[in-house]
Structure formats: structure tokens, C-alpha cells
Amino acid sequence: QVQLVESGGGLVQPGGSLRLSCAASGTPGIMFSFHIMAWYRQDPGKQRELVADINNGGNANYADSVKGRFTISRDNAKKTMYLQMNSLKPEDTAVYYCNTQDESFPWGQGTQVTVSS
């Protein structure tokens, strides 16, 4: 059974930075590397939205709202994915989740990011 564990969230002031991590277990590294991995976020009462995704070759796509501020990366050997978030805004406040682009793994608990002064 694949497990995804997100970490690195917290409270940060507007303009600040955070680095999120997503660690996968229960799947061989080669299987992890097959998937396009993605970061999602969800505010209470809103639909979960795709923030960024990255394929095995390191090619990434970003939502317009985070382009130029967020950077997604992955380490297939460690079965870990990252999201470097800079110039954070209050509207980035949400619970952040990781999964494959087609949401094929069980969802983890997510990590809360709160941007507030």
C-alpha cells in the first residue's frame, strides 16, 4: 500500500518562503519514477486544485497563480518530491497535498500552509 507523507508547512508572513516535502513509501523507487507527480492544495469549502506537476525528466508545469514563485522538484532515488514556495501570499493559504497527476495513490494528511501577518 503506497503512503504519501507531506511535511514542511507552517505559518509564514507574506513574502516569506517555505519548502514542502512529499515522501512516498510502499512503492519501489522505479515505480515512483514512472509517475508524473503533482502538488495540490485545498482551502476549506473549495475544490482541490493542481498547483504544479513534474515528470520523470524534470519537466514541470505550474498553475498561473504560482508561476514564477513556486518551484517543484523530485528525487526519484529518495522517492521524494519538493515544492519550494517563495514570495508567499495570503491566498496561498491552504492544505497542500501530493499525489500522482492522475491521483492514483491514496491521499495523505497534507500539510497546512498559512500565510498571514
PDB file of N, CA and C in Angstrom:
ATOM      1  N   GLN A   1       0.849  -1.175   0.000  1.00  0.00           N
ATOM      2  CA  GLN A   1       0.000   0.000   0.000  1.00  0.00           C
ATOM      3  C   GLN A   1       0.902   1.248   0.000  1.00  0.00           C
ATOM      4  N   VAL A   2       0.728   2.094  -1.002  1.00  0.00           N
ATOM      5  CA  VAL A   2       1.517   3.313  -1.085  1.00  0.00           C
ATOM      6  C   VAL A   2       1.052   4.315  -0.031  1.00  0.00           C
ATOM      7  N   GLN A   3       2.003   4.941   0.615  1.00  0.00           N
ATOM      8  CA  GLN A   3       1.705   6.019   1.555  1.00  0.00           C
ATOM      9  C   GLN A   3       2.458   7.274   1.140  1.00  0.00           C
ATOM     10  N   LEU A   4       1.769   8.393   1.185  1.00  0.00           N
ATOM     11  CA  LEU A   4       2.368   9.695   0.903  1.00  0.00           C
ATOM     12  C   LEU A   4       2.326  10.532   2.172  1.00  0.00           C
ATOM     13  N   VAL A   5       3.463  11.086   2.550  1.00  0.00           N
ATOM     14  CA  VAL A   5       3.541  11.903   3.755  1.00  0.00           C
ATOM     15  C   VAL A   5       4.086  13.267   3.373  1.00  0.00           C
ATOM     16  N   GLU A   6       3.262  14.291   3.576  1.00  0.00           N
ATOM     17  CA  GLU A   6       3.650  15.663   3.294  1.00  0.00           C
ATOM     18  C   GLU A   6       4.154  16.326   4.569  1.00  0.00           C
ATOM     19  N   SER A   7       5.138  17.203   4.434  1.00  0.00           N
ATOM     20  CA  SER A   7       5.683  17.919   5.591  1.00  0.00           C
ATOM     21  C   SER A   7       6.256  19.249   5.136  1.00  0.00           C
ATOM     22  N   GLY A   8       6.556  20.098   6.116  1.00  0.00           N
ATOM     23  CA  GLY A   8       7.225  21.359   5.824  1.00  0.00           C
ATOM     24  C   GLY A   8       6.330  22.580   5.878  1.00  0.00           C
ATOM     25  N   GLY A   9       5.041  22.379   6.110  1.00  0.00           N
ATOM     26  CA  GLY A   9       4.144  23.520   6.196  1.00  0.00           C
ATOM     27  C   GLY A   9       4.347  24.304   7.472  1.00  0.00           C
ATOM     28  N   GLY A  10       3.624  25.411   7.580  1.00  0.00           N
ATOM     29  CA  GLY A  10       3.724  26.229   8.784  1.00  0.00           C
ATOM     30  C   GLY A  10       3.107  27.588   8.568  1.00  0.00           C
ATOM     31  N   LEU A  11       3.354  28.468   9.534  1.00  0.00           N
ATOM     32  CA  LEU A  11       2.869  29.844   9.477  1.00  0.00           C
ATOM     33  C   LEU A  11       4.010  30.738   9.006  1.00  0.00           C
ATOM     34  N   VAL A  12       3.746  31.533   8.000  1.00  0.00           N
ATOM     35  CA  VAL A  12       4.777  32.413   7.452  1.00  0.00           C
ATOM     36  C   VAL A  12       4.154  33.746   7.085  1.00  0.00           C
ATOM     37  N   GLN A  13       4.930  34.801   7.173  1.00  0.00           N
ATOM     38  CA  GLN A  13       4.434  36.124   6.812  1.00  0.00           C
ATOM     39  C   GLN A  13       4.406  36.284   5.289  1.00  0.00           C
ATOM     40  N   PRO A  14       3.564  37.164   4.793  1.00  0.00           N
ATOM     41  CA  PRO A  14       3.563  37.433   3.344  1.00  0.00           C
ATOM     42  C   PRO A  14       4.958  37.815   2.877  1.00  0.00           C
ATOM     43  N   GLY A  15       5.337  37.270   1.721  1.00  0.00           N
ATOM     44  CA  GLY A  15       6.676  37.486   1.203  1.00  0.00           C
ATOM     45  C   GLY A  15       7.681  36.444   1.644  1.00  0.00           C
ATOM     46  N   GLY A  16       7.298  35.607   2.585  1.00  0.00           N
ATOM     47  CA  GLY A  16       8.198  34.592   3.102  1.00  0.00           C
ATOM     48  C   GLY A  16       8.265  33.360   2.221  1.00  0.00           C
ATOM     49  N   SER A  17       9.029  32.367   2.696  1.00  0.00           N
ATOM     50  CA  SER A  17       9.265  31.141   1.927  1.00  0.00           C
ATOM     51  C   SER A  17       9.051  29.909   2.793  1.00  0.00           C
ATOM     52  N   LEU A  18       8.683  28.846   2.145  1.00  0.00           N
ATOM     53  CA  LEU A  18       8.592  27.534   2.766  1.00  0.00           C
ATOM     54  C   LEU A  18       9.020  26.487   1.745  1.00  0.00           C
ATOM     55  N   ARG A  19       9.513  25.362   2.241  1.00  0.00           N
ATOM     56  CA  ARG A  19       9.841  24.240   1.363  1.00  0.00           C
ATOM     57  C   ARG A  19       9.069  23.018   1.848  1.00  0.00           C
ATOM     58  N   LEU A  20       8.194  22.529   1.016  1.00  0.00           N
ATOM     59  CA  LEU A  20       7.409  21.347   1.341  1.00  0.00           C
ATOM     60  C   LEU A  20       8.095  20.088   0.808  1.00  0.00           C
ATOM     61  N   SER A  21       7.893  18.988   1.521  1.00  0.00           N
ATOM     62  CA  SER A  21       8.414  17.695   1.091  1.00  0.00           C
ATOM     63  C   SER A  21       7.282  16.687   1.018  1.00  0.00           C
ATOM     64  N   CYS A  22       7.423  15.740   0.105  1.00  0.00           N
ATOM     65  CA  CYS A  22       6.453  14.651  -0.038  1.00  0.00           C
ATOM     66  C   CYS A  22       7.255  13.366  -0.143  1.00  0.00           C
ATOM     67  N   ALA A  23       7.122  12.512   0.848  1.00  0.00           N
ATOM     68  CA  ALA A  23       7.856  11.247   0.869  1.00  0.00           C
ATOM     69  C   ALA A  23       6.903  10.096   0.586  1.00  0.00           C
ATOM     70  N   ALA A  24       7.274   9.243  -0.360  1.00  0.00           N
ATOM     71  CA  ALA A  24       6.459   8.087  -0.713  1.00  0.00           C
ATOM     72  C   ALA A  24       7.070   6.822  -0.132  1.00  0.00           C
ATOM     73  N   SER A  25       6.233   5.961   0.386  1.00  0.00           N
ATOM     74  CA  SER A  25       6.679   4.655   0.869  1.00  0.00           C
ATOM     75  C   SER A  25       5.711   3.597   0.359  1.00  0.00           C
ATOM     76  N   GLY A  26       6.154   2.333   0.412  1.00  0.00           N
ATOM     77  CA  GLY A  26       5.289   1.253  -0.044  1.00  0.00           C
ATOM     78  C   GLY A  26       5.309   1.053  -1.545  1.00  0.00           C
ATOM     79  N   THR A  27       6.222   1.735  -2.225  1.00  0.00           N
ATOM     80  CA  THR A  27       6.371   1.550  -3.665  1.00  0.00           C
ATOM     81  C   THR A  27       7.848   1.574  -4.010  1.00  0.00           C
ATOM     82  N   PRO A  28       8.293   0.707  -4.906  1.00  0.00           N
ATOM     83  CA  PRO A  28       9.703   0.746  -5.293  1.00  0.00           C
ATOM     84  C   PRO A  28      10.057   2.078  -5.958  1.00  0.00           C
ATOM     85  N   GLY A  29      11.292   2.470  -5.850  1.00  0.00           N
ATOM     86  CA  GLY A  29      11.710   3.731  -6.432  1.00  0.00           C
ATOM     87  C   GLY A  29      11.443   3.816  -7.919  1.00  0.00           C
ATOM     88  N   ILE A  30      11.637   2.704  -8.618  1.00  0.00           N
ATOM     89  CA  ILE A  30      11.426   2.723 -10.059  1.00  0.00           C
ATOM     90  C   ILE A  30       9.957   2.960 -10.377  1.00  0.00           C
ATOM     91  N   MET A  31       9.068   2.451  -9.537  1.00  0.00           N
ATOM     92  CA  MET A  31       7.643   2.700  -9.754  1.00  0.00           C
ATOM     93  C   MET A  31       7.317   4.160  -9.487  1.00  0.00           C
ATOM     94  N   PHE A  32       7.922   4.737  -8.450  1.00  0.00           N
ATOM     95  CA  PHE A  32       7.709   6.162  -8.154  1.00  0.00           C
ATOM     96  C   PHE A  32       8.124   7.000  -9.356  1.00  0.00           C
ATOM     97  N   SER A  33       9.256   6.633  -9.948  1.00  0.00           N
ATOM     98  CA  SER A  33       9.782   7.450 -11.033  1.00  0.00           C
ATOM     99  C   SER A  33       8.911   7.389 -12.289  1.00  0.00           C
ATOM    100  N   PHE A  34       8.081   6.364 -12.418  1.00  0.00           N
ATOM    101  CA  PHE A  34       7.214   6.243 -13.588  1.00  0.00           C
ATOM    102  C   PHE A  34       6.147   7.326 -13.628  1.00  0.00           C
ATOM    103  N   HIS A  35       5.768   7.816 -12.440  1.00  0.00           N
ATOM    104  CA  HIS A  35       4.599   8.685 -12.366  1.00  0.00           C
ATOM    105  C   HIS A  35       4.951  10.150 -12.537  1.00  0.00           C
ATOM    106  N   ILE A  36       4.043  10.874 -13.182  1.00  0.00           N
ATOM    107  CA  ILE A  36       4.077  12.328 -13.104  1.00  0.00           C
ATOM    108  C   ILE A  36       3.528  12.674 -11.730  1.00  0.00           C
ATOM    109  N   MET A  37       4.334  13.325 -10.924  1.00  0.00           N
ATOM    110  CA  MET A  37       3.929  13.680  -9.560  1.00  0.00           C
ATOM    111  C   MET A  37       3.456  15.119  -9.513  1.00  0.00           C
ATOM    112  N   ALA A  38       2.607  15.403  -8.548  1.00  0.00           N
ATOM    113  CA  ALA A  38       1.984  16.724  -8.502  1.00  0.00           C
ATOM    114  C   ALA A  38       1.751  17.181  -7.072  1.00  0.00           C
ATOM    115  N   TRP A  39       1.718  18.492  -6.921  1.00  0.00           N
ATOM    116  CA  TRP A  39       1.290  19.123  -5.676  1.00  0.00           C
ATOM    117  C   TRP A  39      -0.096  19.720  -5.909  1.00  0.00           C
ATOM    118  N   TYR A  40      -0.936  19.553  -4.917  1.00  0.00           N
ATOM    119  CA  TYR A  40      -2.284  20.102  -4.930  1.00  0.00           C
ATOM    120  C   TYR A  40      -2.466  20.935  -3.667  1.00  0.00           C
ATOM    121  N   ARG A  41      -3.490  21.783  -3.659  1.00  0.00           N
ATOM    122  CA  ARG A  41      -3.839  22.485  -2.433  1.00  0.00           C
ATOM    123  C   ARG A  41      -5.346  22.628  -2.355  1.00  0.00           C
ATOM    124  N   GLN A  42      -5.816  22.744  -1.117  1.00  0.00           N
ATOM    125  CA  GLN A  42      -7.246  22.860  -0.890  1.00  0.00           C
ATOM    126  C   GLN A  42      -7.526  23.770   0.284  1.00  0.00           C
ATOM    127  N   ASP A  43      -8.362  24.749   0.025  1.00  0.00           N
ATOM    128  CA  ASP A  43      -8.882  25.620   1.066  1.00  0.00           C
ATOM    129  C   ASP A  43     -10.212  25.035   1.530  1.00  0.00           C
ATOM    130  N   PRO A  44     -10.570  25.208   2.810  1.00  0.00           N
ATOM    131  CA  PRO A  44     -11.877  24.711   3.261  1.00  0.00           C
ATOM    132  C   PRO A  44     -13.008  25.287   2.414  1.00  0.00           C
ATOM    133  N   GLY A  45     -13.916  24.447   1.993  1.00  0.00           N
ATOM    134  CA  GLY A  45     -15.058  24.903   1.212  1.00  0.00           C
ATOM    135  C   GLY A  45     -14.775  25.078  -0.262  1.00  0.00           C
ATOM    136  N   LYS A  46     -13.517  24.799  -0.667  1.00  0.00           N
ATOM    137  CA  LYS A  46     -13.166  24.940  -2.073  1.00  0.00           C
ATOM    138  C   LYS A  46     -12.708  23.606  -2.635  1.00  0.00           C
ATOM    139  N   GLN A  47     -12.692  23.517  -3.939  1.00  0.00           N
ATOM    140  CA  GLN A  47     -12.207  22.296  -4.583  1.00  0.00           C
ATOM    141  C   GLN A  47     -10.688  22.241  -4.521  1.00  0.00           C
ATOM    142  N   ARG A  48     -10.167  21.018  -4.467  1.00  0.00           N
ATOM    143  CA  ARG A  48      -8.721  20.828  -4.519  1.00  0.00           C
ATOM    144  C   ARG A  48      -8.220  21.286  -5.884  1.00  0.00           C
ATOM    145  N   GLU A  49      -7.119  22.012  -5.916  1.00  0.00           N
ATOM    146  CA  GLU A  49      -6.598  22.497  -7.188  1.00  0.00           C
ATOM    147  C   GLU A  49      -5.160  22.029  -7.393  1.00  0.00           C
ATOM    148  N   LEU A  50      -4.824  21.805  -8.646  1.00  0.00           N
ATOM    149  CA  LEU A  50      -3.469  21.408  -9.005  1.00  0.00           C
ATOM    150  C   LEU A  50      -2.569  22.635  -8.976  1.00  0.00           C
ATOM    151  N   VAL A  51      -1.461  22.531  -8.252  1.00  0.00           N
ATOM    152  CA  VAL A  51      -0.525  23.646  -8.126  1.00  0.00           C
ATOM    153  C   VAL A  51       0.622  23.505  -9.123  1.00  0.00           C
ATOM    154  N   ALA A  52       1.186  22.305  -9.186  1.00  0.00           N
ATOM    155  CA  ALA A  52       2.327  22.066 -10.074  1.00  0.00           C
ATOM    156  C   ALA A  52       2.494  20.573 -10.271  1.00  0.00           C
ATOM    157  N   ASP A  53       3.072  20.193 -11.404  1.00  0.00           N
ATOM    158  CA  ASP A  53       3.401  18.787 -11.607  1.00  0.00           C
ATOM    159  C   ASP A  53       4.757  18.664 -12.283  1.00  0.00           C
ATOM    160  N   ILE A  54       5.341  17.473 -12.175  1.00  0.00           N
ATOM    161  CA  ILE A  54       6.682  17.259 -12.714  1.00  0.00           C
ATOM    162  C   ILE A  54       6.807  15.833 -13.212  1.00  0.00           C
ATOM    163  N   ASN A  55       7.378  15.659 -14.395  1.00  0.00           N
ATOM    164  CA  ASN A  55       7.546  14.305 -14.910  1.00  0.00           C
ATOM    165  C   ASN A  55       8.910  13.751 -14.539  1.00  0.00           C
ATOM    166  N   ASN A  56       9.181  12.542 -14.989  1.00  0.00           N
ATOM    167  CA  ASN A  56      10.423  11.879 -14.603  1.00  0.00           C
ATOM    168  C   ASN A  56      11.641  12.619 -15.125  1.00  0.00           C
ATOM    169  N   GLY A  57      11.478  13.338 -16.235  1.00  0.00           N
ATOM    170  CA  GLY A  57      12.595  14.069 -16.801  1.00  0.00           C
ATOM    171  C   GLY A  57      12.819  15.436 -16.193  1.00  0.00           C
ATOM    172  N   GLY A  58      11.974  15.792 -15.244  1.00  0.00           N
ATOM    173  CA  GLY A  58      12.129  17.084 -14.576  1.00  0.00           C
ATOM    174  C   GLY A  58      11.368  18.222 -15.230  1.00  0.00           C
ATOM    175  N   ASN A  59      10.583  17.917 -16.254  1.00  0.00           N
ATOM    176  CA  ASN A  59       9.775  18.967 -16.879  1.00  0.00           C
ATOM    177  C   ASN A  59       8.582  19.274 -15.989  1.00  0.00           C
ATOM    178  N   ALA A  60       8.363  20.551 -15.729  1.00  0.00           N
ATOM    179  CA  ALA A  60       7.357  20.964 -14.765  1.00  0.00           C
ATOM    180  C   ALA A  60       6.320  21.884 -15.399  1.00  0.00           C
ATOM    181  N   ASN A  61       5.132  21.854 -14.818  1.00  0.00           N
ATOM    182  CA  ASN A  61       4.054  22.766 -15.177  1.00  0.00           C
ATOM    183  C   ASN A  61       3.517  23.388 -13.910  1.00  0.00           C
ATOM    184  N   TYR A  62       3.071  24.639 -14.029  1.00  0.00           N
ATOM    185  CA  TYR A  62       2.606  25.368 -12.853  1.00  0.00           C
ATOM    186  C   TYR A  62       1.257  26.022 -13.133  1.00  0.00           C
ATOM    187  N   ALA A  63       0.454  26.128 -12.094  1.00  0.00           N
ATOM    188  CA  ALA A  63      -0.746  26.945 -12.173  1.00  0.00           C
ATOM    189  C   ALA A  63      -0.319  28.396 -12.350  1.00  0.00           C
ATOM    190  N   ASP A  64      -1.111  29.155 -13.077  1.00  0.00           N
ATOM    191  CA  ASP A  64      -0.768  30.558 -13.328  1.00  0.00           C
ATOM    192  C   ASP A  64      -0.575  31.326 -12.027  1.00  0.00           C
ATOM    193  N   SER A  65      -1.322  30.963 -11.003  1.00  0.00           N
ATOM    194  CA  SER A  65      -1.285  31.698  -9.748  1.00  0.00           C
ATOM    195  C   SER A  65       0.041  31.552  -9.000  1.00  0.00           C
ATOM    196  N   VAL A  66       0.837  30.528  -9.335  1.00  0.00           N
ATOM    197  CA  VAL A  66       2.091  30.310  -8.608  1.00  0.00           C
ATOM    198  C   VAL A  66       3.316  30.405  -9.512  1.00  0.00           C
ATOM    199  N   LYS A  67       3.093  30.594 -10.802  1.00  0.00           N
ATOM    200  CA  LYS A  67       4.198  30.620 -11.758  1.00  0.00           C
ATOM    201  C   LYS A  67       5.177  31.732 -11.390  1.00  0.00           C
ATOM    202  N   GLY A  68       6.465  31.387 -11.391  1.00  0.00           N
ATOM    203  CA  GLY A  68       7.485  32.372 -11.051  1.00  0.00           C
ATOM    204  C   GLY A  68       7.773  32.476  -9.564  1.00  0.00           C
ATOM    205  N   ARG A  69       6.928  31.862  -8.733  1.00  0.00           N
ATOM    206  CA  ARG A  69       7.132  31.917  -7.274  1.00  0.00           C
ATOM    207  C   ARG A  69       7.426  30.537  -6.689  1.00  0.00           C
ATOM    208  N   PHE A  70       6.832  29.511  -7.257  1.00  0.00           N
ATOM    209  CA  PHE A  70       6.998  28.146  -6.751  1.00  0.00           C
ATOM    210  C   PHE A  70       7.882  27.343  -7.698  1.00  0.00           C
ATOM    211  N   THR A  71       8.642  26.402  -7.120  1.00  0.00           N
ATOM    212  CA  THR A  71       9.465  25.501  -7.924  1.00  0.00           C
ATOM    213  C   THR A  71       9.272  24.076  -7.419  1.00  0.00           C
ATOM    214  N   ILE A  72       8.889  23.193  -8.330  1.00  0.00           N
ATOM    215  CA  ILE A  72       8.690  21.790  -7.986  1.00  0.00           C
ATOM    216  C   ILE A  72       9.931  21.006  -8.408  1.00  0.00           C
ATOM    217  N   SER A  73      10.295  20.018  -7.610  1.00  0.00           N
ATOM    218  CA  SER A  73      11.437  19.171  -7.941  1.00  0.00           C
ATOM    219  C   SER A  73      11.202  17.782  -7.358  1.00  0.00           C
ATOM    220  N   ARG A  74      12.019  16.826  -7.783  1.00  0.00           N
ATOM    221  CA  ARG A  74      11.852  15.468  -7.279  1.00  0.00           C
ATOM    222  C   ARG A  74      13.195  14.766  -7.215  1.00  0.00           C
ATOM    223  N   ASP A  75      13.293  13.809  -6.302  1.00  0.00           N
ATOM    224  CA  ASP A  75      14.468  12.956  -6.177  1.00  0.00           C
ATOM    225  C   ASP A  75      13.947  11.523  -6.226  1.00  0.00           C
ATOM    226  N   ASN A  76      14.031  10.899  -7.386  1.00  0.00           N
ATOM    227  CA  ASN A  76      13.442   9.566  -7.548  1.00  0.00           C
ATOM    228  C   ASN A  76      14.134   8.520  -6.677  1.00  0.00           C
ATOM    229  N   ALA A  77      15.427   8.674  -6.478  1.00  0.00           N
ATOM    230  CA  ALA A  77      16.149   7.707  -5.656  1.00  0.00           C
ATOM    231  C   ALA A  77      15.645   7.728  -4.213  1.00  0.00           C
ATOM    232  N   LYS A  78      15.248   8.889  -3.755  1.00  0.00           N
ATOM    233  CA  LYS A  78      14.731   9.027  -2.392  1.00  0.00           C
ATOM    234  C   LYS A  78      13.208   8.919  -2.363  1.00  0.00           C
ATOM    235  N   LYS A  79      12.587   8.778  -3.531  1.00  0.00           N
ATOM    236  CA  LYS A  79      11.116   8.735  -3.617  1.00  0.00           C
ATOM    237  C   LYS A  79      10.510   9.939  -2.916  1.00  0.00           C
ATOM    238  N   THR A  80      11.061  11.089  -3.189  1.00  0.00           N
ATOM    239  CA  THR A  80      10.642  12.319  -2.527  1.00  0.00           C
ATOM    240  C   THR A  80      10.467  13.420  -3.557  1.00  0.00           C
ATOM    241  N   MET A  81       9.471  14.261  -3.303  1.00  0.00           N
ATOM    242  CA  MET A  81       9.201  15.404  -4.147  1.00  0.00           C
ATOM    243  C   MET A  81       9.182  16.646  -3.268  1.00  0.00           C
ATOM    244  N   TYR A  82       9.508  17.792  -3.853  1.00  0.00           N
ATOM    245  CA  TYR A  82       9.598  19.033  -3.089  1.00  0.00           C
ATOM    246  C   TYR A  82       8.806  20.139  -3.772  1.00  0.00           C
ATOM    247  N   LEU A  83       8.449  21.130  -2.970  1.00  0.00           N
ATOM    248  CA  LEU A  83       7.849  22.341  -3.508  1.00  0.00           C
ATOM    249  C   LEU A  83       8.465  23.522  -2.769  1.00  0.00           C
ATOM    250  N   GLN A  84       9.317  24.262  -3.465  1.00  0.00           N
ATOM    251  CA  GLN A  84       9.900  25.482  -2.902  1.00  0.00           C
ATOM    252  C   GLN A  84       8.940  26.623  -3.203  1.00  0.00           C
ATOM    253  N   MET A  85       8.467  27.258  -2.150  1.00  0.00           N
ATOM    254  CA  MET A  85       7.482  28.331  -2.291  1.00  0.00           C
ATOM    255  C   MET A  85       8.087  29.628  -1.808  1.00  0.00           C
ATOM    256  N   ASN A  86       8.226  30.574  -2.701  1.00  0.00           N
ATOM    257  CA  ASN A  86       8.778  31.888  -2.376  1.00  0.00           C
ATOM    258  C   ASN A  86       7.728  32.964  -2.592  1.00  0.00           C
ATOM    259  N   SER A  87       7.981  34.127  -2.057  1.00  0.00           N
ATOM    260  CA  SER A  87       7.070  35.278  -2.219  1.00  0.00           C
ATOM    261  C   SER A  87       5.637  34.863  -1.905  1.00  0.00           C
ATOM    262  N   LEU A  88       5.473  34.215  -0.788  1.00  0.00           N
ATOM    263  CA  LEU A  88       4.147  33.697  -0.439  1.00  0.00           C
ATOM    264  C   LEU A  88       3.144  34.820  -0.200  1.00  0.00           C
ATOM    265  N   LYS A  89       1.900  34.529  -0.582  1.00  0.00           N
ATOM    266  CA  LYS A  89       0.802  35.482  -0.449  1.00  0.00           C
ATOM    267  C   LYS A  89      -0.281  34.872   0.446  1.00  0.00           C
ATOM    268  N   PRO A  90      -1.110  35.706   1.059  1.00  0.00           N
ATOM    269  CA  PRO A  90      -2.196  35.160   1.880  1.00  0.00           C
ATOM    270  C   PRO A  90      -3.080  34.179   1.106  1.00  0.00           C
ATOM    271  N   GLU A  91      -3.260  34.400  -0.174  1.00  0.00           N
ATOM    272  CA  GLU A  91      -4.101  33.496  -0.964  1.00  0.00           C
ATOM    273  C   GLU A  91      -3.462  32.130  -1.206  1.00  0.00           C
ATOM    274  N   ASP A  92      -2.204  31.956  -0.823  1.00  0.00           N
ATOM    275  CA  ASP A  92      -1.569  30.644  -0.895  1.00  0.00           C
ATOM    276  C   ASP A  92      -1.931  29.773   0.319  1.00  0.00           C
ATOM    277  N   THR A  93      -2.607  30.362   1.280  1.00  0.00           N
ATOM    278  CA  THR A  93      -3.017  29.611   2.470  1.00  0.00           C
ATOM    279  C   THR A  93      -3.923  28.457   2.076  1.00  0.00           C
ATOM    280  N   ALA A  94      -3.555  27.245   2.485  1.00  0.00           N
ATOM    281  CA  ALA A  94      -4.312  26.045   2.144  1.00  0.00           C
ATOM    282  C   ALA A  94      -3.620  24.840   2.769  1.00  0.00           C
ATOM    283  N   VAL A  95      -4.273  23.700   2.691  1.00  0.00           N
ATOM    284  CA  VAL A  95      -3.610  22.434   2.986  1.00  0.00           C
ATOM    285  C   VAL A  95      -3.034  21.920   1.669  1.00  0.00           C
ATOM    286  N   TYR A  96      -1.755  21.594   1.697  1.00  0.00           N
ATOM    287  CA  TYR A  96      -1.052  21.149   0.495  1.00  0.00           C
ATOM    288  C   TYR A  96      -0.886  19.630   0.535  1.00  0.00           C
ATOM    289  N   TYR A  97      -1.196  19.007  -0.583  1.00  0.00           N
ATOM    290  CA  TYR A  97      -1.122  17.552  -0.727  1.00  0.00           C
ATOM    291  C   TYR A  97      -0.251  17.188  -1.925  1.00  0.00           C
ATOM    292  N   CYS A  98       0.287  15.997  -1.901  1.00  0.00           N
ATOM    293  CA  CYS A  98       0.977  15.483  -3.074  1.00  0.00           C
ATOM    294  C   CYS A  98       0.273  14.209  -3.546  1.00  0.00           C
ATOM    295  N   ASN A  99       0.416  13.904  -4.809  1.00  0.00           N
ATOM    296  CA  ASN A  99      -0.134  12.698  -5.390  1.00  0.00           C
ATOM    297  C   ASN A  99       0.392  12.594  -6.812  1.00  0.00           C
ATOM    298  N   THR A 100       0.022  11.553  -7.513  1.00  0.00           N
ATOM    299  CA  THR A 100       0.330  11.489  -8.932  1.00  0.00           C
ATOM    300  C   THR A 100      -0.597  12.452  -9.669  1.00  0.00           C
ATOM    301  N   GLN A 101      -0.248  12.739 -10.904  1.00  0.00           N
ATOM    302  CA  GLN A 101      -1.067  13.669 -11.682  1.00  0.00           C
ATOM    303  C   GLN A 101      -2.472  13.120 -11.886  1.00  0.00           C
ATOM    304  N   ASP A 102      -2.622  11.802 -11.928  1.00  0.00           N
ATOM    305  CA  ASP A 102      -3.948  11.201 -12.093  1.00  0.00           C
ATOM    306  C   ASP A 102      -4.519  10.712 -10.766  1.00  0.00           C
ATOM    307  N   GLU A 103      -3.936  11.217  -9.663  1.00  0.00           N
ATOM    308  CA  GLU A 103      -4.485  10.974  -8.323  1.00  0.00           C
ATOM    309  C   GLU A 103      -4.639   9.478  -8.041  1.00  0.00           C
ATOM    310  N   SER A 104      -3.647   8.700  -8.421  1.00  0.00           N
ATOM    311  CA  SER A 104      -3.796   7.254  -8.322  1.00  0.00           C
ATOM    312  C   SER A 104      -3.366   6.672  -6.982  1.00  0.00           C
ATOM    313  N   PHE A 105      -2.672   7.454  -6.149  1.00  0.00           N
ATOM    314  CA  PHE A 105      -2.271   6.976  -4.829  1.00  0.00           C
ATOM    315  C   PHE A 105      -3.282   7.441  -3.784  1.00  0.00           C
ATOM    316  N   PRO A 106      -3.351   6.731  -2.640  1.00  0.00           N
ATOM    317  CA  PRO A 106      -4.206   7.225  -1.547  1.00  0.00           C
ATOM    318  C   PRO A 106      -3.717   8.601  -1.086  1.00  0.00           C
ATOM    319  N   TRP A 107      -4.637   9.483  -0.749  1.00  0.00           N
ATOM    320  CA  TRP A 107      -4.268  10.807  -0.292  1.00  0.00           C
ATOM    321  C   TRP A 107      -3.677  10.739   1.110  1.00  0.00           C
ATOM    322  N   GLY A 108      -2.646  11.551   1.332  1.00  0.00           N
ATOM    323  CA  GLY A 108      -2.070  11.677   2.661  1.00  0.00           C
ATOM    324  C   GLY A 108      -2.844  12.697   3.472  1.00  0.00           C
ATOM    325  N   GLN A 109      -2.247  13.070   4.612  1.00  0.00           N
ATOM    326  CA  GLN A 109      -2.912  14.025   5.506  1.00  0.00           C
ATOM    327  C   GLN A 109      -2.721  15.458   5.054  1.00  0.00           C
ATOM    328  N   GLY A 110      -1.737  15.690   4.219  1.00  0.00           N
ATOM    329  CA  GLY A 110      -1.474  17.051   3.800  1.00  0.00           C
ATOM    330  C   GLY A 110      -0.665  17.822   4.838  1.00  0.00           C
ATOM    331  N   THR A 111      -0.220  19.003   4.460  1.00  0.00           N
ATOM    332  CA  THR A 111       0.496  19.881   5.381  1.00  0.00           C
ATOM    333  C   THR A 111      -0.078  21.288   5.239  1.00  0.00           C
ATOM    334  N   GLN A 112      -0.373  21.900   6.380  1.00  0.00           N
ATOM    335  CA  GLN A 112      -1.036  23.200   6.389  1.00  0.00           C
ATOM    336  C   GLN A 112      -0.024  24.310   6.142  1.00  0.00           C
ATOM    337  N   VAL A 113      -0.351  25.181   5.203  1.00  0.00           N
ATOM    338  CA  VAL A 113       0.432  26.389   4.955  1.00  0.00           C
ATOM    339  C   VAL A 113      -0.468  27.586   5.236  1.00  0.00           C
ATOM    340  N   THR A 114      -0.023  28.435   6.128  1.00  0.00           N
ATOM    341  CA  THR A 114      -0.777  29.636   6.475  1.00  0.00           C
ATOM    342  C   THR A 114       0.109  30.845   6.256  1.00  0.00           C
ATOM    343  N   VAL A 115      -0.355  31.744   5.401  1.00  0.00           N
ATOM    344  CA  VAL A 115       0.396  32.966   5.101  1.00  0.00           C
ATOM    345  C   VAL A 115      -0.390  34.139   5.682  1.00  0.00           C
ATOM    346  N   SER A 116       0.171  34.720   6.724  1.00  0.00           N
ATOM    347  CA  SER A 116      -0.543  35.777   7.431  1.00  0.00           C
ATOM    348  C   SER A 116       0.445  36.633   8.198  1.00  0.00           C
ATOM    349  N   SER A 117       0.102  37.920   8.312  1.00  0.00           N
ATOM    350  CA  SER A 117       0.934  38.812   9.110  1.00  0.00           C
ATOM    351  C   SER A 117       0.389  38.889  10.538  1.00  0.00           C
TER     352      SER A 117
END
